[in-house]
PDB file of N, CA and C in Angstrom:
ATOM      1  N   MET A   1      -8.364  -0.624   2.625  1.00  0.00           N
ATOM      2  CA  MET A   1      -7.688  -0.061   3.018  1.00  0.00           C
ATOM      3  C   MET A   1      -6.703  -0.189   4.562  1.00  0.00           C
ATOM      4  N   ALA A   2      -8.045  -0.437   5.699  1.00  0.00           N
ATOM      5  CA  ALA A   2      -8.037  -0.722   7.028  1.00  0.00           C
ATOM      6  C   ALA A   2      -7.337  -2.184   7.101  1.00  0.00           C
ATOM      7  N   ALA A   3      -8.010  -3.180   6.104  1.00  0.00           N
ATOM      8  CA  ALA A   3      -6.878  -4.649   6.014  1.00  0.00           C
ATOM      9  C   ALA A   3      -5.713  -4.560   5.784  1.00  0.00           C
ATOM     10  N   LEU A   4      -5.434  -3.705   4.850  1.00  0.00           N
ATOM     11  CA  LEU A   4      -3.489  -3.658   4.221  1.00  0.00           C
ATOM     12  C   LEU A   4      -2.535  -2.919   5.336  1.00  0.00           C
ATOM     13  N   ALA A   5      -3.441  -1.625   6.078  1.00  0.00           N
ATOM     14  CA  ALA A   5      -3.077  -1.044   7.397  1.00  0.00           C
ATOM     15  C   ALA A   5      -2.589  -2.083   8.622  1.00  0.00           C
ATOM     16  N   GLY A   6      -3.720  -3.131   8.805  1.00  0.00           N
ATOM     17  CA  GLY A   6      -3.399  -3.770   9.984  1.00  0.00           C
ATOM     18  C   GLY A   6      -2.469  -4.689   9.298  1.00  0.00           C
ATOM     19  N   LEU A   7      -2.481  -5.905   7.679  1.00  0.00           N
ATOM     20  CA  LEU A   7      -1.609  -6.329   7.895  1.00  0.00           C
ATOM     21  C   LEU A   7       0.173  -5.744   7.681  1.00  0.00           C
ATOM     22  N   LEU A   8       0.206  -4.477   7.634  1.00  0.00           N
ATOM     23  CA  LEU A   8       1.389  -3.963   7.700  1.00  0.00           C
ATOM     24  C   LEU A   8       1.973  -3.783   8.808  1.00  0.00           C
ATOM     25  N   ARG A   9       0.947  -3.188  10.052  1.00  0.00           N
ATOM     26  CA  ARG A   9       1.253  -3.561  11.395  1.00  0.00           C
ATOM     27  C   ARG A   9       1.775  -4.848  11.932  1.00  0.00           C
ATOM     28  N   GLY A  10       1.082  -5.362  11.555  1.00  0.00           N
ATOM     29  CA  GLY A  10       1.045  -7.287  12.030  1.00  0.00           C
ATOM     30  C   GLY A  10       3.086  -7.272  11.640  1.00  0.00           C
ATOM     31  N   GLN A  11       3.445  -6.904  10.370  1.00  0.00           N
ATOM     32  CA  GLN A  11       4.640  -7.199   9.708  1.00  0.00           C
ATOM     33  C   GLN A  11       5.746  -5.938  10.695  1.00  0.00           C
ATOM     34  N   LYS A  12       4.907  -5.369  11.619  1.00  0.00           N
ATOM     35  CA  LYS A  12       6.176  -4.145  12.169  1.00  0.00           C
ATOM     36  C   LYS A  12       6.665  -3.105  11.077  1.00  0.00           C
ATOM     37  N   TYR A  13       5.453  -2.664  10.345  1.00  0.00           N
ATOM     38  CA  TYR A  13       5.702  -1.405   9.410  1.00  0.00           C
ATOM     39  C   TYR A  13       5.198  -0.249  10.049  1.00  0.00           C
ATOM     40  N   MET A  14       5.726   1.085  10.152  1.00  0.00           N
ATOM     41  CA  MET A  14       5.066   2.054  11.010  1.00  0.00           C
ATOM     42  C   MET A  14       3.736   2.564   9.163  1.00  0.00           C
ATOM     43  N   VAL A  15       2.325   2.755   9.554  1.00  0.00           N
ATOM     44  CA  VAL A  15       1.793   2.804   8.838  1.00  0.00           C
ATOM     45  C   VAL A  15       1.002   4.001   9.736  1.00  0.00           C
ATOM     46  N   GLU A  16       1.048   5.396   8.138  1.00  0.00           N
ATOM     47  CA  GLU A  16       0.248   6.685   8.742  1.00  0.00           C
ATOM     48  C   GLU A  16      -1.197   6.746   7.794  1.00  0.00           C
ATOM     49  N   LEU A  17      -2.078   7.135   8.619  1.00  0.00           N
ATOM     50  CA  LEU A  17      -3.628   7.152   7.556  1.00  0.00           C
ATOM     51  C   LEU A  17      -3.096   8.608   6.961  1.00  0.00           C
ATOM     52  N   LEU A  18      -3.040   9.240   5.923  1.00  0.00           N
ATOM     53  CA  LEU A  18      -3.303  10.418   5.018  1.00  0.00           C
ATOM     54  C   LEU A  18      -4.925  10.603   5.051  1.00  0.00           C
ATOM     55  N   ASP A  19      -5.638  10.024   4.609  1.00  0.00           N
ATOM     56  CA  ASP A  19      -6.957  10.534   4.102  1.00  0.00           C
ATOM     57  C   ASP A  19      -7.397   8.663   4.090  1.00  0.00           C
ATOM     58  N   GLY A  20      -8.573   8.885   3.684  1.00  0.00           N
ATOM     59  CA  GLY A  20      -9.565   7.532   3.700  1.00  0.00           C
ATOM     60  C   GLY A  20      -9.265   6.692   2.736  1.00  0.00           C
ATOM     61  N   ASP A  21      -8.745   7.002   1.594  1.00  0.00           N
ATOM     62  CA  ASP A  21      -7.674   6.638   0.512  1.00  0.00           C
ATOM     63  C   ASP A  21      -6.480   6.071   0.434  1.00  0.00           C
ATOM     64  N   ARG A  22      -5.544   6.588   1.397  1.00  0.00           N
ATOM     65  CA  ARG A  22      -4.201   6.486   1.212  1.00  0.00           C
ATOM     66  C   ARG A  22      -3.563   6.591   2.776  1.00  0.00           C
ATOM     67  N   ILE A  23      -2.560   5.769   2.465  1.00  0.00           N
ATOM     68  CA  ILE A  23      -1.595   5.692   3.500  1.00  0.00           C
ATOM     69  C   ILE A  23      -0.059   5.874   3.160  1.00  0.00           C
ATOM     70  N   GLN A  24       0.724   6.211   4.440  1.00  0.00           N
ATOM     71  CA  GLN A  24       2.046   5.917   4.186  1.00  0.00           C
ATOM     72  C   GLN A  24       2.832   4.787   5.094  1.00  0.00           C
ATOM     73  N   VAL A  25       3.324   4.435   4.648  1.00  0.00           N
ATOM     74  CA  VAL A  25       4.032   2.969   4.789  1.00  0.00           C
ATOM     75  C   VAL A  25       5.391   3.582   4.899  1.00  0.00           C
ATOM     76  N   THR A  26       6.119   2.922   6.059  1.00  0.00           N
ATOM     77  CA  THR A  26       7.583   2.931   6.231  1.00  0.00           C
ATOM     78  C   THR A  26       7.953   2.131   6.986  1.00  0.00           C
ATOM     79  N   ASP A  27       9.166   1.974   7.027  1.00  0.00           N
ATOM     80  CA  ASP A  27      10.080   0.563   7.247  1.00  0.00           C
ATOM     81  C   ASP A  27      11.091   1.297   8.882  1.00  0.00           C
ATOM     82  N   GLY A  28      10.599   2.585   9.571  1.00  0.00           N
ATOM     83  CA  GLY A  28      11.253   2.529  10.497  1.00  0.00           C
ATOM     84  C   GLY A  28      11.147   4.148  10.244  1.00  0.00           C
ATOM     85  N   PRO A  29      11.991   5.033  11.326  1.00  0.00           N
ATOM     86  CA  PRO A  29      11.914   6.693  11.634  1.00  0.00           C
ATOM     87  C   PRO A  29      12.779   7.188  10.017  1.00  0.00           C
ATOM     88  N   ASP A  30      13.659   6.341   9.771  1.00  0.00           N
ATOM     89  CA  ASP A  30      14.487   7.033   8.867  1.00  0.00           C
ATOM     90  C   ASP A  30      14.258   6.476   7.293  1.00  0.00           C
ATOM     91  N   SER A  31      13.275   6.040   7.131  1.00  0.00           N
ATOM     92  CA  SER A  31      12.728   5.708   6.172  1.00  0.00           C
ATOM     93  C   SER A  31      11.989   6.556   5.299  1.00  0.00           C
ATOM     94  N   ARG A  32      11.917   6.701   3.647  1.00  0.00           N
ATOM     95  CA  ARG A  32      10.777   7.648   3.411  1.00  0.00           C
ATOM     96  C   ARG A  32       9.739   7.151   3.094  1.00  0.00           C
ATOM     97  N   GLY A  33       9.773   5.557   2.780  1.00  0.00           N
ATOM     98  CA  GLY A  33       8.077   5.420   2.430  1.00  0.00           C
ATOM     99  C   GLY A  33       8.023   4.790   1.563  1.00  0.00           C
ATOM    100  N   LEU A  34       6.553   4.726   1.344  1.00  0.00           N
ATOM    101  CA  LEU A  34       5.686   4.657   0.361  1.00  0.00           C
ATOM    102  C   LEU A  34       4.084   4.961   0.495  1.00  0.00           C
ATOM    103  N   VAL A  35       3.866   5.699  -0.551  1.00  0.00           N
ATOM    104  CA  VAL A  35       2.334   6.148  -0.327  1.00  0.00           C
ATOM    105  C   VAL A  35       1.502   5.446  -0.683  1.00  0.00           C
ATOM    106  N   VAL A  36       0.504   4.564  -0.328  1.00  0.00           N
ATOM    107  CA  VAL A  36      -0.384   3.528  -1.049  1.00  0.00           C
ATOM    108  C   VAL A  36      -1.830   3.928  -1.091  1.00  0.00           C
ATOM    109  N   GLU A  37      -2.446   4.034  -2.172  1.00  0.00           N
ATOM    110  CA  GLU A  37      -3.647   4.545  -2.084  1.00  0.00           C
ATOM    111  C   GLU A  37      -4.714   3.212  -3.211  1.00  0.00           C
ATOM    112  N   CYS A  38      -5.670   3.721  -2.467  1.00  0.00           N
ATOM    113  CA  CYS A  38      -6.803   2.505  -3.088  1.00  0.00           C
ATOM    114  C   CYS A  38      -7.959   3.472  -3.900  1.00  0.00           C
ATOM    115  N   ARG A  39      -7.733   2.737  -5.068  1.00  0.00           N
ATOM    116  CA  ARG A  39      -8.799   3.983  -6.111  1.00  0.00           C
ATOM    117  C   ARG A  39      -9.218   2.792  -7.264  1.00  0.00           C
ATOM    118  N   GLU A  40     -10.541   3.597  -7.627  1.00  0.00           N
ATOM    119  CA  GLU A  40     -10.993   2.542  -8.913  1.00  0.00           C
ATOM    120  C   GLU A  40     -10.396   2.245  -9.945  1.00  0.00           C
ATOM    121  N   ARG A  41     -10.198   1.198 -10.568  1.00  0.00           N
ATOM    122  CA  ARG A  41      -9.177   0.831 -12.035  1.00  0.00           C
ATOM    123  C   ARG A  41     -10.243   1.076 -13.286  1.00  0.00           C
ATOM    124  N   ASP A  42     -10.492   1.759 -13.805  1.00  0.00           N
ATOM    125  CA  ASP A  42     -11.247   1.617 -14.999  1.00  0.00           C
ATOM    126  C   ASP A  42     -10.968   0.526 -15.933  1.00  0.00           C
ATOM    127  N   ASP A  43      -9.690   0.277 -16.385  1.00  0.00           N
ATOM    128  CA  ASP A  43     -10.043  -0.658 -16.872  1.00  0.00           C
ATOM    129  C   ASP A  43     -10.177  -2.040 -16.520  1.00  0.00           C
ATOM    130  N   ASP A  44     -10.496  -2.678 -15.317  1.00  0.00           N
ATOM    131  CA  ASP A  44     -10.992  -3.351 -14.569  1.00  0.00           C
ATOM    132  C   ASP A  44     -12.967  -2.913 -13.663  1.00  0.00           C
ATOM    133  N   ALA A  45     -13.473  -2.448 -14.503  1.00  0.00           N
ATOM    134  CA  ALA A  45     -15.158  -2.658 -14.683  1.00  0.00           C
ATOM    135  C   ALA A  45     -15.054  -1.524 -13.094  1.00  0.00           C
ATOM    136  N   GLY A  46     -13.909  -0.927 -12.977  1.00  0.00           N
ATOM    137  CA  GLY A  46     -14.137   0.269 -11.945  1.00  0.00           C
ATOM    138  C   GLY A  46     -13.920  -0.236 -10.597  1.00  0.00           C
ATOM    139  N   ARG A  47     -13.529  -1.525 -10.627  1.00  0.00           N
ATOM    140  CA  ARG A  47     -13.128  -2.474  -9.232  1.00  0.00           C
ATOM    141  C   ARG A  47     -11.703  -1.455  -8.314  1.00  0.00           C
ATOM    142  N   HIS A  48     -11.902  -1.704  -7.125  1.00  0.00           N
ATOM    143  CA  HIS A  48     -10.723  -1.132  -6.155  1.00  0.00           C
ATOM    144  C   HIS A  48      -9.570  -1.380  -6.327  1.00  0.00           C
ATOM    145  N   TRP A  49      -8.440  -1.038  -6.726  1.00  0.00           N
ATOM    146  CA  TRP A  49      -7.453  -1.512  -6.782  1.00  0.00           C
ATOM    147  C   TRP A  49      -6.457  -0.808  -5.675  1.00  0.00           C
ATOM    148  N   PHE A  50      -5.006  -1.391  -5.134  1.00  0.00           N
ATOM    149  CA  PHE A  50      -4.207  -0.596  -4.643  1.00  0.00           C
ATOM    150  C   PHE A  50      -3.055  -0.479  -5.330  1.00  0.00           C
ATOM    151  N   ALA A  51      -2.750   0.855  -5.348  1.00  0.00           N
ATOM    152  CA  ALA A  51      -1.789   1.524  -6.227  1.00  0.00           C
ATOM    153  C   ALA A  51      -0.520   2.471  -5.300  1.00  0.00           C
ATOM    154  N   TYR A  52       0.844   2.379  -5.880  1.00  0.00           N
ATOM    155  CA  TYR A  52       1.289   3.311  -5.227  1.00  0.00           C
ATOM    156  C   TYR A  52       2.449   4.188  -6.315  1.00  0.00           C
ATOM    157  N   ARG A  53       3.164   4.754  -5.791  1.00  0.00           N
ATOM    158  CA  ARG A  53       4.347   5.547  -6.835  1.00  0.00           C
ATOM    159  C   ARG A  53       3.119   6.355  -7.886  1.00  0.00           C
ATOM    160  N   GLY A  54       2.223   6.744  -7.564  1.00  0.00           N
ATOM    161  CA  GLY A  54       1.395   7.802  -8.570  1.00  0.00           C
ATOM    162  C   GLY A  54       0.730   6.835  -9.320  1.00  0.00           C
ATOM    163  N   GLY A  55       0.436   5.512  -9.189  1.00  0.00           N
ATOM    164  CA  GLY A  55      -0.548   4.617 -10.363  1.00  0.00           C
ATOM    165  C   GLY A  55       0.195   3.338 -10.963  1.00  0.00           C
ATOM    166  N   ILE A  56       1.268   3.131  -9.883  1.00  0.00           N
ATOM    167  CA  ILE A  56       1.467   1.514 -10.430  1.00  0.00           C
ATOM    168  C   ILE A  56       0.630   0.587  -9.479  1.00  0.00           C
ATOM    169  N   TRP A  57      -0.040  -0.265 -10.549  1.00  0.00           N
ATOM    170  CA  TRP A  57      -1.064  -0.871  -9.728  1.00  0.00           C
ATOM    171  C   TRP A  57      -0.312  -1.877  -8.803  1.00  0.00           C
ATOM    172  N   ILE A  58      -0.978  -2.738  -7.874  1.00  0.00           N
ATOM    173  CA  ILE A  58      -0.665  -3.624  -6.935  1.00  0.00           C
ATOM    174  C   ILE A  58      -1.244  -4.856  -7.180  1.00  0.00           C
ATOM    175  N   SER A  59      -2.344  -4.316  -6.638  1.00  0.00           N
ATOM    176  CA  SER A  59      -3.632  -5.866  -6.555  1.00  0.00           C
ATOM    177  C   SER A  59      -5.020  -5.289  -6.258  1.00  0.00           C
ATOM    178  N   GLU A  60      -5.738  -5.800  -6.522  1.00  0.00           N
ATOM    179  CA  GLU A  60      -7.168  -5.966  -5.974  1.00  0.00           C
ATOM    180  C   GLU A  60      -7.164  -5.379  -4.548  1.00  0.00           C
ATOM    181  N   ALA A  61      -8.035  -4.979  -4.321  1.00  0.00           N
ATOM    182  CA  ALA A  61      -8.225  -4.084  -2.671  1.00  0.00           C
ATOM    183  C   ALA A  61      -8.857  -5.281  -2.275  1.00  0.00           C
ATOM    184  N   ASP A  62      -9.672  -6.124  -3.048  1.00  0.00           N
ATOM    185  CA  ASP A  62      -9.864  -7.768  -1.858  1.00  0.00           C
ATOM    186  C   ASP A  62      -9.108  -8.902  -1.899  1.00  0.00           C
ATOM    187  N   HIS A  63      -7.457  -8.418  -2.142  1.00  0.00           N
ATOM    188  CA  HIS A  63      -6.831  -9.103  -1.800  1.00  0.00           C
ATOM    189  C   HIS A  63      -5.456  -8.255  -1.186  1.00  0.00           C
ATOM    190  N   PRO A  64      -5.552  -7.991  -0.269  1.00  0.00           N
ATOM    191  CA  PRO A  64      -4.484  -6.893   0.591  1.00  0.00           C
ATOM    192  C   PRO A  64      -3.108  -7.579   0.447  1.00  0.00           C
ATOM    193  N   THR A  65      -3.229  -9.529   1.137  1.00  0.00           N
ATOM    194  CA  THR A  65      -1.973  -9.915   1.663  1.00  0.00           C
ATOM    195  C   THR A  65      -1.171  -9.948  -0.206  1.00  0.00           C
ATOM    196  N   ASP A  66      -1.435  -9.980  -1.572  1.00  0.00           N
ATOM    197  CA  ASP A  66      -1.292  -9.530  -2.176  1.00  0.00           C
ATOM    198  C   ASP A  66      -0.230  -8.046  -2.264  1.00  0.00           C
ATOM    199  N   ALA A  67      -0.802  -7.098  -1.908  1.00  0.00           N
ATOM    200  CA  ALA A  67      -0.654  -6.105  -1.874  1.00  0.00           C
ATOM    201  C   ALA A  67       0.874  -6.028  -0.935  1.00  0.00           C
ATOM    202  N   LEU A  68       0.649  -6.694   0.691  1.00  0.00           N
ATOM    203  CA  LEU A  68       1.687  -6.788   1.270  1.00  0.00           C
ATOM    204  C   LEU A  68       2.569  -7.562   1.127  1.00  0.00           C
ATOM    205  N   VAL A  69       2.844  -8.218  -0.016  1.00  0.00           N
ATOM    206  CA  VAL A  69       4.396  -8.814  -0.525  1.00  0.00           C
ATOM    207  C   VAL A  69       4.854  -7.929  -1.635  1.00  0.00           C
ATOM    208  N   THR A  70       4.248  -6.931  -2.221  1.00  0.00           N
ATOM    209  CA  THR A  70       4.829  -6.013  -3.192  1.00  0.00           C
ATOM    210  C   THR A  70       5.583  -5.228  -2.074  1.00  0.00           C
ATOM    211  N   LEU A  71       4.652  -4.702  -1.485  1.00  0.00           N
ATOM    212  CA  LEU A  71       4.794  -3.167  -0.378  1.00  0.00           C
ATOM    213  C   LEU A  71       6.446  -3.711  -0.005  1.00  0.00           C
ATOM    214  N   LYS A  72       6.722  -4.977   0.697  1.00  0.00           N
ATOM    215  CA  LYS A  72       7.561  -5.365   1.652  1.00  0.00           C
ATOM    216  C   LYS A  72       8.343  -5.771   0.751  1.00  0.00           C
ATOM    217  N   ALA A  73       8.630  -6.075  -0.691  1.00  0.00           N
ATOM    218  CA  ALA A  73       9.570  -6.240  -1.452  1.00  0.00           C
ATOM    219  C   ALA A  73      10.286  -4.683  -1.515  1.00  0.00           C
ATOM    220  N   GLU A  74       9.324  -3.927  -2.071  1.00  0.00           N
ATOM    221  CA  GLU A  74       9.579  -2.366  -2.283  1.00  0.00           C
ATOM    222  C   GLU A  74      10.522  -1.866  -1.230  1.00  0.00           C
ATOM    223  N   LEU A  75       9.835  -1.769   0.224  1.00  0.00           N
ATOM    224  CA  LEU A  75      10.564  -1.241   1.003  1.00  0.00           C
ATOM    225  C   LEU A  75      11.996  -1.871   1.590  1.00  0.00           C
ATOM    226  N   ARG A  76      12.042  -3.191   0.948  1.00  0.00           N
ATOM    227  CA  ARG A  76      13.160  -4.057   1.796  1.00  0.00           C
ATOM    228  C   ARG A  76      14.738  -3.409   0.495  1.00  0.00           C
ATOM    229  N   GLN A  77      13.871  -2.968  -0.861  1.00  0.00           N
ATOM    230  CA  GLN A  77      14.804  -2.975  -1.788  1.00  0.00           C
ATOM    231  C   GLN A  77      15.487  -1.030  -1.532  1.00  0.00           C
ATOM    232  N   GLY A  78      14.570  -0.473  -0.468  1.00  0.00           N
ATOM    233  CA  GLY A  78      14.628   0.931  -0.415  1.00  0.00           C
ATOM    234  C   GLY A  78      14.398   1.858  -1.561  1.00  0.00           C
ATOM    235  N   ARG A  79      13.284   1.731  -2.404  1.00  0.00           N
ATOM    236  CA  ARG A  79      13.010   2.466  -3.468  1.00  0.00           C
ATOM    237  C   ARG A  79      11.599   3.213  -2.674  1.00  0.00           C
ATOM    238  N   PRO A  80      11.982   4.431  -2.609  1.00  0.00           N
ATOM    239  CA  PRO A  80      10.792   5.184  -1.751  1.00  0.00           C
ATOM    240  C   PRO A  80       9.817   5.639  -3.261  1.00  0.00           C
TER     241      PRO A  80
END
């Protein structure tokens, strides 16, 4: 989660740590943003994945750049 948060901050997004496994990402003070979590994915042998919107899988946790691309697209489209 720290790697993804760092990538997002490097792209000028606001990142708030909600707990050890979740962050809130916004594109500025007026943006509702997205909650992103890191959790085990049972159908992938328990490997950790990033997810958002309560369970939409983004990418494996060891591929934070892939998650960054998806999150940037979601935030640009304004779909909180």
